[in-house]
Amino acid sequence: MRNDERFEIERAYDLLPHVIGASWACVWFRLNQIKKPTNEEFRQKVAEYFVTVEKLGDTYPDDESFSGIKKYIKSRYKEEIEKILLGKNPEIEKRYSRYIDYG
């Protein structure tokens, strides 16, 4: 698969962890009045909400022309979950710090 064929999916996975995962996690902590979750609690909650995007790859047909992009989506999804849980996604870490500082 050429890089230009997966460009849009790459950009989406650059944004989705913090747009979906961290945003939903912040709302969950705020509504539950949890002002100081640990890093691990925050990352776990982000991953829990980010899981909702896993099924997006299944919306493409089971067709040979889509097999490359579907394989990439599954691989990138796993990579992003791992980065979230290990604290290696700088945007998630930034969102955590912001939540701790400003609630």
PDB file of N, CA and C in Angstrom:
ATOM      1  N   MET A   1       0.838  -1.172   0.000  1.00  0.00           N
ATOM      2  CA  MET A   1       0.000   0.000   0.000  1.00  0.00           C
ATOM      3  C   MET A   1       0.888   1.243   0.000  1.00  0.00           C
ATOM      4  N   ARG A   2       0.556   2.174  -0.866  1.00  0.00           N
ATOM      5  CA  ARG A   2       1.315   3.424  -0.950  1.00  0.00           C
ATOM      6  C   ARG A   2       0.931   4.349   0.202  1.00  0.00           C
ATOM      7  N   ASN A   3       1.873   5.188   0.607  1.00  0.00           N
ATOM      8  CA  ASN A   3       1.611   6.129   1.698  1.00  0.00           C
ATOM      9  C   ASN A   3       0.455   7.066   1.389  1.00  0.00           C
ATOM     10  N   ASP A   4       0.324   7.486   0.126  1.00  0.00           N
ATOM     11  CA  ASP A   4      -0.757   8.411  -0.213  1.00  0.00           C
ATOM     12  C   ASP A   4      -2.131   7.748  -0.115  1.00  0.00           C
ATOM     13  N   GLU A   5      -2.179   6.438  -0.162  1.00  0.00           N
ATOM     14  CA  GLU A   5      -3.456   5.739  -0.042  1.00  0.00           C
ATOM     15  C   GLU A   5      -3.948   5.686   1.400  1.00  0.00           C
ATOM     16  N   ARG A   6      -3.056   5.865   2.341  1.00  0.00           N
ATOM     17  CA  ARG A   6      -3.469   5.803   3.740  1.00  0.00           C
ATOM     18  C   ARG A   6      -3.332   7.142   4.464  1.00  0.00           C
ATOM     19  N   PHE A   7      -3.019   8.198   3.730  1.00  0.00           N
ATOM     20  CA  PHE A   7      -2.784   9.510   4.319  1.00  0.00           C
ATOM     21  C   PHE A   7      -3.933   9.955   5.223  1.00  0.00           C
ATOM     22  N   GLU A   8      -5.154   9.868   4.750  1.00  0.00           N
ATOM     23  CA  GLU A   8      -6.307  10.337   5.533  1.00  0.00           C
ATOM     24  C   GLU A   8      -6.480   9.536   6.820  1.00  0.00           C
ATOM     25  N   ILE A   9      -6.252   8.233   6.745  1.00  0.00           N
ATOM     26  CA  ILE A   9      -6.367   7.391   7.941  1.00  0.00           C
ATOM     27  C   ILE A   9      -5.250   7.732   8.924  1.00  0.00           C
ATOM     28  N   GLU A  10      -4.056   7.984   8.412  1.00  0.00           N
ATOM     29  CA  GLU A  10      -2.949   8.385   9.291  1.00  0.00           C
ATOM     30  C   GLU A  10      -3.298   9.652  10.048  1.00  0.00           C
ATOM     31  N   ARG A  11      -3.824  10.653   9.339  1.00  0.00           N
ATOM     32  CA  ARG A  11      -4.186  11.919   9.992  1.00  0.00           C
ATOM     33  C   ARG A  11      -5.297  11.701  11.016  1.00  0.00           C
ATOM     34  N   ALA A  12      -6.254  10.855  10.687  1.00  0.00           N
ATOM     35  CA  ALA A  12      -7.339  10.577  11.636  1.00  0.00           C
ATOM     36  C   ALA A  12      -6.785   9.956  12.914  1.00  0.00           C
ATOM     37  N   TYR A  13      -5.884   8.997  12.781  1.00  0.00           N
ATOM     38  CA  TYR A  13      -5.311   8.352  13.971  1.00  0.00           C
ATOM     39  C   TYR A  13      -4.359   9.274  14.732  1.00  0.00           C
ATOM     40  N   ASP A  14      -3.875  10.326  14.082  1.00  0.00           N
ATOM     41  CA  ASP A  14      -3.104  11.334  14.810  1.00  0.00           C
ATOM     42  C   ASP A  14      -4.016  12.133  15.747  1.00  0.00           C
ATOM     43  N   LEU A  15      -5.272  12.292  15.359  1.00  0.00           N
ATOM     44  CA  LEU A  15      -6.211  13.136  16.112  1.00  0.00           C
ATOM     45  C   LEU A  15      -7.178  12.375  17.014  1.00  0.00           C
ATOM     46  N   LEU A  16      -7.612  11.217  16.581  1.00  0.00           N
ATOM     47  CA  LEU A  16      -8.679  10.505  17.300  1.00  0.00           C
ATOM     48  C   LEU A  16      -8.386  10.184  18.762  1.00  0.00           C
ATOM     49  N   PRO A  17      -7.174   9.794  19.131  1.00  0.00           N
ATOM     50  CA  PRO A  17      -6.959   9.476  20.550  1.00  0.00           C
ATOM     51  C   PRO A  17      -7.301  10.627  21.487  1.00  0.00           C
ATOM     52  N   HIS A  18      -6.885  11.841  21.140  1.00  0.00           N
ATOM     53  CA  HIS A  18      -7.194  12.932  22.062  1.00  0.00           C
ATOM     54  C   HIS A  18      -8.546  13.572  21.791  1.00  0.00           C
ATOM     55  N   VAL A  19      -9.011  13.562  20.553  1.00  0.00           N
ATOM     56  CA  VAL A  19     -10.316  14.155  20.269  1.00  0.00           C
ATOM     57  C   VAL A  19     -11.434  13.295  20.845  1.00  0.00           C
ATOM     58  N   ILE A  20     -11.349  11.997  20.671  1.00  0.00           N
ATOM     59  CA  ILE A  20     -12.387  11.114  21.210  1.00  0.00           C
ATOM     60  C   ILE A  20     -12.004  10.612  22.592  1.00  0.00           C
ATOM     61  N   GLY A  21     -10.880   9.944  22.694  1.00  0.00           N
ATOM     62  CA  GLY A  21     -10.498   9.324  23.960  1.00  0.00           C
ATOM     63  C   GLY A  21     -10.370  10.297  25.109  1.00  0.00           C
ATOM     64  N   ALA A  22      -9.530  11.305  24.954  1.00  0.00           N
ATOM     65  CA  ALA A  22      -9.273  12.236  26.060  1.00  0.00           C
ATOM     66  C   ALA A  22     -10.467  13.129  26.345  1.00  0.00           C
ATOM     67  N   SER A  23     -11.153  13.580  25.317  1.00  0.00           N
ATOM     68  CA  SER A  23     -12.315  14.452  25.537  1.00  0.00           C
ATOM     69  C   SER A  23     -13.398  13.732  26.322  1.00  0.00           C
ATOM     70  N   TRP A  24     -13.721  12.522  25.911  1.00  0.00           N
ATOM     71  CA  TRP A  24     -14.752  11.757  26.617  1.00  0.00           C
ATOM     72  C   TRP A  24     -14.294  11.405  28.033  1.00  0.00           C
ATOM     73  N   ALA A  25     -13.022  11.085  28.179  1.00  0.00           N
ATOM     74  CA  ALA A  25     -12.487  10.758  29.509  1.00  0.00           C
ATOM     75  C   ALA A  25     -12.585  11.962  30.441  1.00  0.00           C
ATOM     76  N   CYS A  26     -12.228  13.140  29.949  1.00  0.00           N
ATOM     77  CA  CYS A  26     -12.318  14.351  30.784  1.00  0.00           C
ATOM     78  C   CYS A  26     -13.747  14.593  31.248  1.00  0.00           C
ATOM     79  N   VAL A  27     -14.693  14.443  30.348  1.00  0.00           N
ATOM     80  CA  VAL A  27     -16.100  14.625  30.730  1.00  0.00           C
ATOM     81  C   VAL A  27     -16.493  13.597  31.782  1.00  0.00           C
ATOM     82  N   TRP A  28     -16.071  12.350  31.602  1.00  0.00           N
ATOM     83  CA  TRP A  28     -16.412  11.298  32.566  1.00  0.00           C
ATOM     84  C   TRP A  28     -15.868  11.632  33.953  1.00  0.00           C
ATOM     85  N   PHE A  29     -14.599  12.021  34.025  1.00  0.00           N
ATOM     86  CA  PHE A  29     -14.007  12.370  35.323  1.00  0.00           C
ATOM     87  C   PHE A  29     -14.695  13.593  35.924  1.00  0.00           C
ATOM     88  N   ARG A  30     -14.970  14.590  35.101  1.00  0.00           N
ATOM     89  CA  ARG A  30     -15.607  15.809  35.589  1.00  0.00           C
ATOM     90  C   ARG A  30     -16.996  15.510  36.160  1.00  0.00           C
ATOM     91  N   LEU A  31     -17.807  14.756  35.439  1.00  0.00           N
ATOM     92  CA  LEU A  31     -19.169  14.462  35.896  1.00  0.00           C
ATOM     93  C   LEU A  31     -19.189  13.543  37.108  1.00  0.00           C
ATOM     94  N   ASN A  32     -18.131  12.772  37.276  1.00  0.00           N
ATOM     95  CA  ASN A  32     -18.001  11.932  38.468  1.00  0.00           C
ATOM     96  C   ASN A  32     -17.247  12.643  39.588  1.00  0.00           C
ATOM     97  N   GLN A  33     -16.970  13.920  39.374  1.00  0.00           N
ATOM     98  CA  GLN A  33     -16.305  14.778  40.360  1.00  0.00           C
ATOM     99  C   GLN A  33     -14.969  14.202  40.838  1.00  0.00           C
ATOM    100  N   ILE A  34     -14.240  13.634  39.893  1.00  0.00           N
ATOM    101  CA  ILE A  34     -12.901  13.114  40.177  1.00  0.00           C
ATOM    102  C   ILE A  34     -11.915  14.141  39.640  1.00  0.00           C
ATOM    103  N   LYS A  35     -11.351  14.917  40.538  1.00  0.00           N
ATOM    104  CA  LYS A  35     -10.503  16.041  40.131  1.00  0.00           C
ATOM    105  C   LYS A  35      -9.046  15.663  39.905  1.00  0.00           C
ATOM    106  N   LYS A  36      -8.587  14.614  40.542  1.00  0.00           N
ATOM    107  CA  LYS A  36      -7.167  14.249  40.445  1.00  0.00           C
ATOM    108  C   LYS A  36      -6.984  12.753  40.161  1.00  0.00           C
ATOM    109  N   PRO A  37      -7.429  12.284  39.002  1.00  0.00           N
ATOM    110  CA  PRO A  37      -7.159  10.873  38.687  1.00  0.00           C
ATOM    111  C   PRO A  37      -5.655  10.674  38.497  1.00  0.00           C
ATOM    112  N   THR A  38      -5.196   9.469  38.715  1.00  0.00           N
ATOM    113  CA  THR A  38      -3.785   9.179  38.451  1.00  0.00           C
ATOM    114  C   THR A  38      -3.562   9.133  36.941  1.00  0.00           C
ATOM    115  N   ASN A  39      -2.294   9.204  36.547  1.00  0.00           N
ATOM    116  CA  ASN A  39      -1.956   9.050  35.121  1.00  0.00           C
ATOM    117  C   ASN A  39      -2.551   7.762  34.568  1.00  0.00           C
ATOM    118  N   GLU A  40      -2.374   6.689  35.325  1.00  0.00           N
ATOM    119  CA  GLU A  40      -2.839   5.379  34.868  1.00  0.00           C
ATOM    120  C   GLU A  40      -4.358   5.348  34.728  1.00  0.00           C
ATOM    121  N   GLU A  41      -5.076   5.925  35.683  1.00  0.00           N
ATOM    122  CA  GLU A  41      -6.542   5.967  35.598  1.00  0.00           C
ATOM    123  C   GLU A  41      -6.984   6.757  34.371  1.00  0.00           C
ATOM    124  N   PHE A  42      -6.330   7.878  34.138  1.00  0.00           N
ATOM    125  CA  PHE A  42      -6.681   8.716  32.993  1.00  0.00           C
ATOM    126  C   PHE A  42      -6.404   7.980  31.684  1.00  0.00           C
ATOM    127  N   ARG A  43      -5.227   7.388  31.576  1.00  0.00           N
ATOM    128  CA  ARG A  43      -4.877   6.657  30.353  1.00  0.00           C
ATOM    129  C   ARG A  43      -5.837   5.496  30.106  1.00  0.00           C
ATOM    130  N   GLN A  44      -6.181   4.781  31.158  1.00  0.00           N
ATOM    131  CA  GLN A  44      -7.101   3.649  31.030  1.00  0.00           C
ATOM    132  C   GLN A  44      -8.468   4.112  30.529  1.00  0.00           C
ATOM    133  N   LYS A  45      -8.947   5.227  31.064  1.00  0.00           N
ATOM    134  CA  LYS A  45     -10.253   5.747  30.649  1.00  0.00           C
ATOM    135  C   LYS A  45     -10.189   6.236  29.202  1.00  0.00           C
ATOM    136  N   VAL A  46      -9.086   6.878  28.821  1.00  0.00           N
ATOM    137  CA  VAL A  46      -8.912   7.310  27.430  1.00  0.00           C
ATOM    138  C   VAL A  46      -8.963   6.099  26.504  1.00  0.00           C
ATOM    139  N   ALA A  47      -8.233   5.049  26.853  1.00  0.00           N
ATOM    140  CA  ALA A  47      -8.219   3.832  26.032  1.00  0.00           C
ATOM    141  C   ALA A  47      -9.609   3.217  25.955  1.00  0.00           C
ATOM    142  N   GLU A  48     -10.323   3.237  27.064  1.00  0.00           N
ATOM    143  CA  GLU A  48     -11.683   2.686  27.103  1.00  0.00           C
ATOM    144  C   GLU A  48     -12.587   3.398  26.094  1.00  0.00           C
ATOM    145  N   TYR A  49     -12.494   4.711  26.015  1.00  0.00           N
ATOM    146  CA  TYR A  49     -13.315   5.450  25.053  1.00  0.00           C
ATOM    147  C   TYR A  49     -12.770   5.347  23.637  1.00  0.00           C
ATOM    148  N   PHE A  50     -11.467   5.267  23.503  1.00  0.00           N
ATOM    149  CA  PHE A  50     -10.865   5.154  22.176  1.00  0.00           C
ATOM    150  C   PHE A  50     -11.244   3.840  21.499  1.00  0.00           C
ATOM    151  N   VAL A  51     -11.545   2.827  22.277  1.00  0.00           N
ATOM    152  CA  VAL A  51     -11.946   1.520  21.739  1.00  0.00           C
ATOM    153  C   VAL A  51     -13.131   1.653  20.776  1.00  0.00           C
ATOM    154  N   THR A  52     -13.936   2.688  20.959  1.00  0.00           N
ATOM    155  CA  THR A  52     -15.113   2.851  20.099  1.00  0.00           C
ATOM    156  C   THR A  52     -14.753   3.030  18.628  1.00  0.00           C
ATOM    157  N   VAL A  53     -13.532   3.461  18.323  1.00  0.00           N
ATOM    158  CA  VAL A  53     -13.158   3.659  16.918  1.00  0.00           C
ATOM    159  C   VAL A  53     -12.680   2.368  16.250  1.00  0.00           C
ATOM    160  N   GLU A  54     -12.481   1.322  17.027  1.00  0.00           N
ATOM    161  CA  GLU A  54     -11.957   0.073  16.467  1.00  0.00           C
ATOM    162  C   GLU A  54     -12.834  -0.460  15.337  1.00  0.00           C
ATOM    163  N   LYS A  55     -14.117  -0.343  15.467  1.00  0.00           N
ATOM    164  CA  LYS A  55     -15.050  -0.899  14.479  1.00  0.00           C
ATOM    165  C   LYS A  55     -15.099  -0.099  13.173  1.00  0.00           C
ATOM    166  N   LEU A  56     -14.526   1.097  13.151  1.00  0.00           N
ATOM    167  CA  LEU A  56     -14.563   1.895  11.925  1.00  0.00           C
ATOM    168  C   LEU A  56     -13.909   1.181  10.748  1.00  0.00           C
ATOM    169  N   GLY A  57     -12.846   0.451  11.004  1.00  0.00           N
ATOM    170  CA  GLY A  57     -12.177  -0.282   9.931  1.00  0.00           C
ATOM    171  C   GLY A  57     -13.056  -1.346   9.311  1.00  0.00           C
ATOM    172  N   ASP A  58     -14.006  -1.838  10.082  1.00  0.00           N
ATOM    173  CA  ASP A  58     -14.914  -2.870   9.577  1.00  0.00           C
ATOM    174  C   ASP A  58     -15.961  -2.310   8.621  1.00  0.00           C
ATOM    175  N   THR A  59     -16.054  -0.990   8.524  1.00  0.00           N
ATOM    176  CA  THR A  59     -17.045  -0.411   7.621  1.00  0.00           C
ATOM    177  C   THR A  59     -16.620  -0.531   6.160  1.00  0.00           C
ATOM    178  N   TYR A  60     -15.325  -0.751   5.923  1.00  0.00           N
ATOM    179  CA  TYR A  60     -14.871  -0.978   4.557  1.00  0.00           C
ATOM    180  C   TYR A  60     -15.219  -2.408   4.149  1.00  0.00           C
ATOM    181  N   PRO A  61     -15.517  -2.609   2.868  1.00  0.00           N
ATOM    182  CA  PRO A  61     -15.907  -3.952   2.423  1.00  0.00           C
ATOM    183  C   PRO A  61     -14.771  -4.962   2.537  1.00  0.00           C
ATOM    184  N   ASP A  62     -15.149  -6.219   2.680  1.00  0.00           N
ATOM    185  CA  ASP A  62     -14.172  -7.310   2.688  1.00  0.00           C
ATOM    186  C   ASP A  62     -13.805  -7.623   1.239  1.00  0.00           C
ATOM    187  N   ASP A  63     -13.105  -6.707   0.659  1.00  0.00           N
ATOM    188  CA  ASP A  63     -12.751  -6.750  -0.744  1.00  0.00           C
ATOM    189  C   ASP A  63     -11.232  -6.653  -0.840  1.00  0.00           C
ATOM    190  N   GLU A  64     -10.646  -7.303  -1.801  1.00  0.00           N
ATOM    191  CA  GLU A  64      -9.186  -7.291  -1.915  1.00  0.00           C
ATOM    192  C   GLU A  64      -8.631  -5.874  -2.049  1.00  0.00           C
ATOM    193  N   SER A  65      -9.366  -4.991  -2.698  1.00  0.00           N
ATOM    194  CA  SER A  65      -8.868  -3.626  -2.873  1.00  0.00           C
ATOM    195  C   SER A  65      -8.798  -2.859  -1.553  1.00  0.00           C
ATOM    196  N   PHE A  66      -9.507  -3.322  -0.531  1.00  0.00           N
ATOM    197  CA  PHE A  66      -9.490  -2.674   0.780  1.00  0.00           C
ATOM    198  C   PHE A  66      -8.642  -3.423   1.803  1.00  0.00           C
ATOM    199  N   SER A  67      -8.079  -4.556   1.425  1.00  0.00           N
ATOM    200  CA  SER A  67      -7.355  -5.373   2.406  1.00  0.00           C
ATOM    201  C   SER A  67      -6.149  -4.643   2.992  1.00  0.00           C
ATOM    202  N   GLY A  68      -5.435  -3.896   2.183  1.00  0.00           N
ATOM    203  CA  GLY A  68      -4.263  -3.172   2.673  1.00  0.00           C
ATOM    204  C   GLY A  68      -4.617  -2.107   3.695  1.00  0.00           C
ATOM    205  N   ILE A  69      -5.643  -1.332   3.405  1.00  0.00           N
ATOM    206  CA  ILE A  69      -6.029  -0.264   4.330  1.00  0.00           C
ATOM    207  C   ILE A  69      -6.618  -0.847   5.607  1.00  0.00           C
ATOM    208  N   LYS A  70      -7.364  -1.936   5.497  1.00  0.00           N
ATOM    209  CA  LYS A  70      -7.930  -2.565   6.697  1.00  0.00           C
ATOM    210  C   LYS A  70      -6.825  -3.122   7.594  1.00  0.00           C
ATOM    211  N   LYS A  71      -5.804  -3.684   6.983  1.00  0.00           N
ATOM    212  CA  LYS A  71      -4.666  -4.201   7.748  1.00  0.00           C
ATOM    213  C   LYS A  71      -3.944  -3.048   8.445  1.00  0.00           C
ATOM    214  N   TYR A  72      -3.744  -1.956   7.724  1.00  0.00           N
ATOM    215  CA  TYR A  72      -3.092  -0.787   8.312  1.00  0.00           C
ATOM    216  C   TYR A  72      -3.919  -0.234   9.474  1.00  0.00           C
ATOM    217  N   ILE A  73      -5.225  -0.144   9.312  1.00  0.00           N
ATOM    218  CA  ILE A  73      -6.101   0.389  10.361  1.00  0.00           C
ATOM    219  C   ILE A  73      -5.977  -0.445  11.630  1.00  0.00           C
ATOM    220  N   LYS A  74      -6.011  -1.761  11.497  1.00  0.00           N
ATOM    221  CA  LYS A  74      -5.885  -2.630  12.679  1.00  0.00           C
ATOM    222  C   LYS A  74      -4.536  -2.445  13.362  1.00  0.00           C
ATOM    223  N   SER A  75      -3.494  -2.352  12.562  1.00  0.00           N
ATOM    224  CA  SER A  75      -2.150  -2.171  13.105  1.00  0.00           C
ATOM    225  C   SER A  75      -2.018  -0.821  13.810  1.00  0.00           C
ATOM    226  N   ARG A  76      -2.509   0.220  13.188  1.00  0.00           N
ATOM    227  CA  ARG A  76      -2.395   1.561  13.767  1.00  0.00           C
ATOM    228  C   ARG A  76      -3.242   1.682  15.029  1.00  0.00           C
ATOM    229  N   TYR A  77      -4.405   1.053  15.026  1.00  0.00           N
ATOM    230  CA  TYR A  77      -5.265   1.065  16.212  1.00  0.00           C
ATOM    231  C   TYR A  77      -4.521   0.455  17.405  1.00  0.00           C
ATOM    232  N   LYS A  78      -3.924  -0.712  17.212  1.00  0.00           N
ATOM    233  CA  LYS A  78      -3.177  -1.377  18.289  1.00  0.00           C
ATOM    234  C   LYS A  78      -2.012  -0.515  18.759  1.00  0.00           C
ATOM    235  N   GLU A  79      -1.335   0.101  17.821  1.00  0.00           N
ATOM    236  CA  GLU A  79      -0.207   0.976  18.150  1.00  0.00           C
ATOM    237  C   GLU A  79      -0.672   2.162  19.009  1.00  0.00           C
ATOM    238  N   GLU A  80      -1.794   2.758  18.656  1.00  0.00           N
ATOM    239  CA  GLU A  80      -2.294   3.916  19.407  1.00  0.00           C
ATOM    240  C   GLU A  80      -2.740   3.524  20.814  1.00  0.00           C
ATOM    241  N   ILE A  81      -3.393   2.387  20.954  1.00  0.00           N
ATOM    242  CA  ILE A  81      -3.800   1.915  22.288  1.00  0.00           C
ATOM    243  C   ILE A  81      -2.561   1.723  23.158  1.00  0.00           C
ATOM    244  N   GLU A  82      -1.546   1.100  22.598  1.00  0.00           N
ATOM    245  CA  GLU A  82      -0.304   0.866  23.343  1.00  0.00           C
ATOM    246  C   GLU A  82       0.336   2.188  23.764  1.00  0.00           C
ATOM    247  N   LYS A  83       0.394   3.152  22.845  1.00  0.00           N
ATOM    248  CA  LYS A  83       0.979   4.454  23.166  1.00  0.00           C
ATOM    249  C   LYS A  83       0.189   5.161  24.267  1.00  0.00           C
ATOM    250  N   ILE A  84      -1.118   5.062  24.222  1.00  0.00           N
ATOM    251  CA  ILE A  84      -1.952   5.680  25.261  1.00  0.00           C
ATOM    252  C   ILE A  84      -1.619   5.073  26.613  1.00  0.00           C
ATOM    253  N   LEU A  85      -1.654   3.747  26.694  1.00  0.00           N
ATOM    254  CA  LEU A  85      -1.476   3.063  27.979  1.00  0.00           C
ATOM    255  C   LEU A  85      -0.063   3.206  28.544  1.00  0.00           C
ATOM    256  N   LEU A  86       0.927   3.355  27.668  1.00  0.00           N
ATOM    257  CA  LEU A  86       2.314   3.490  28.123  1.00  0.00           C
ATOM    258  C   LEU A  86       2.732   4.947  28.346  1.00  0.00           C
ATOM    259  N   GLY A  87       1.815   5.878  28.119  1.00  0.00           N
ATOM    260  CA  GLY A  87       2.138   7.292  28.301  1.00  0.00           C
ATOM    261  C   GLY A  87       3.018   7.859  27.207  1.00  0.00           C
ATOM    262  N   LYS A  88       2.946   7.268  26.018  1.00  0.00           N
ATOM    263  CA  LYS A  88       3.797   7.700  24.909  1.00  0.00           C
ATOM    264  C   LYS A  88       3.048   8.516  23.860  1.00  0.00           C
ATOM    265  N   ASN A  89       1.836   8.926  24.175  1.00  0.00           N
ATOM    266  CA  ASN A  89       1.093   9.815  23.287  1.00  0.00           C
ATOM    267  C   ASN A  89       1.133  11.206  23.922  1.00  0.00           C
ATOM    268  N   PRO A  90       1.945  12.123  23.371  1.00  0.00           N
ATOM    269  CA  PRO A  90       2.120  13.428  24.008  1.00  0.00           C
ATOM    270  C   PRO A  90       0.831  14.234  24.140  1.00  0.00           C
ATOM    271  N   GLU A  91      -0.088  14.079  23.206  1.00  0.00           N
ATOM    272  CA  GLU A  91      -1.355  14.814  23.290  1.00  0.00           C
ATOM    273  C   GLU A  91      -2.200  14.340  24.468  1.00  0.00           C
ATOM    274  N   ILE A  92      -2.192  13.051  24.735  1.00  0.00           N
ATOM    275  CA  ILE A  92      -2.943  12.520  25.877  1.00  0.00           C
ATOM    276  C   ILE A  92      -2.311  13.006  27.172  1.00  0.00           C
ATOM    277  N   GLU A  93      -1.000  12.999  27.227  1.00  0.00           N
ATOM    278  CA  GLU A  93      -0.307  13.461  28.432  1.00  0.00           C
ATOM    279  C   GLU A  93      -0.570  14.950  28.668  1.00  0.00           C
ATOM    280  N   LYS A  94      -0.631  15.711  27.586  1.00  0.00           N
ATOM    281  CA  LYS A  94      -0.935  17.137  27.689  1.00  0.00           C
ATOM    282  C   LYS A  94      -2.367  17.339  28.211  1.00  0.00           C
ATOM    283  N   ARG A  95      -3.295  16.544  27.695  1.00  0.00           N
ATOM    284  CA  ARG A  95      -4.688  16.642  28.150  1.00  0.00           C
ATOM    285  C   ARG A  95      -4.812  16.256  29.616  1.00  0.00           C
ATOM    286  N   TYR A  96      -4.052  15.267  30.050  1.00  0.00           N
ATOM    287  CA  TYR A  96      -4.062  14.874  31.459  1.00  0.00           C
ATOM    288  C   TYR A  96      -3.579  16.035  32.330  1.00  0.00           C
ATOM    289  N   SER A  97      -2.465  16.627  31.962  1.00  0.00           N
ATOM    290  CA  SER A  97      -1.923  17.748  32.737  1.00  0.00           C
ATOM    291  C   SER A  97      -2.911  18.907  32.785  1.00  0.00           C
ATOM    292  N   ARG A  98      -3.536  19.184  31.672  1.00  0.00           N
ATOM    293  CA  ARG A  98      -4.516  20.266  31.629  1.00  0.00           C
ATOM    294  C   ARG A  98      -5.697  19.948  32.539  1.00  0.00           C
ATOM    295  N   TYR A  99      -6.165  18.712  32.506  1.00  0.00           N
ATOM    296  CA  TYR A  99      -7.295  18.340  33.361  1.00  0.00           C
ATOM    297  C   TYR A  99      -6.919  18.477  34.837  1.00  0.00           C
ATOM    298  N   ILE A 100      -5.750  18.003  35.212  1.00  0.00           N
ATOM    299  CA  ILE A 100      -5.293  18.091  36.606  1.00  0.00           C
ATOM    300  C   ILE A 100      -5.185  19.557  37.035  1.00  0.00           C
ATOM    301  N   ASP A 101      -4.678  20.401  36.146  1.00  0.00           N
ATOM    302  CA  ASP A 101      -4.483  21.818  36.475  1.00  0.00           C
ATOM    303  C   ASP A 101      -5.781  22.625  36.493  1.00  0.00           C
ATOM    304  N   TYR A 102      -6.697  22.314  35.576  1.00  0.00           N
ATOM    305  CA  TYR A 102      -7.888  23.153  35.419  1.00  0.00           C
ATOM    306  C   TYR A 102      -9.213  22.443  35.642  1.00  0.00           C
ATOM    307  N   GLY A 103      -9.186  21.112  35.733  1.00  0.00           N
ATOM    308  CA  GLY A 103     -10.409  20.346  35.971  1.00  0.00           C
ATOM    309  C   GLY A 103     -11.337  20.433  34.835  1.00  0.00           C
TER     310      GLY A 103
END
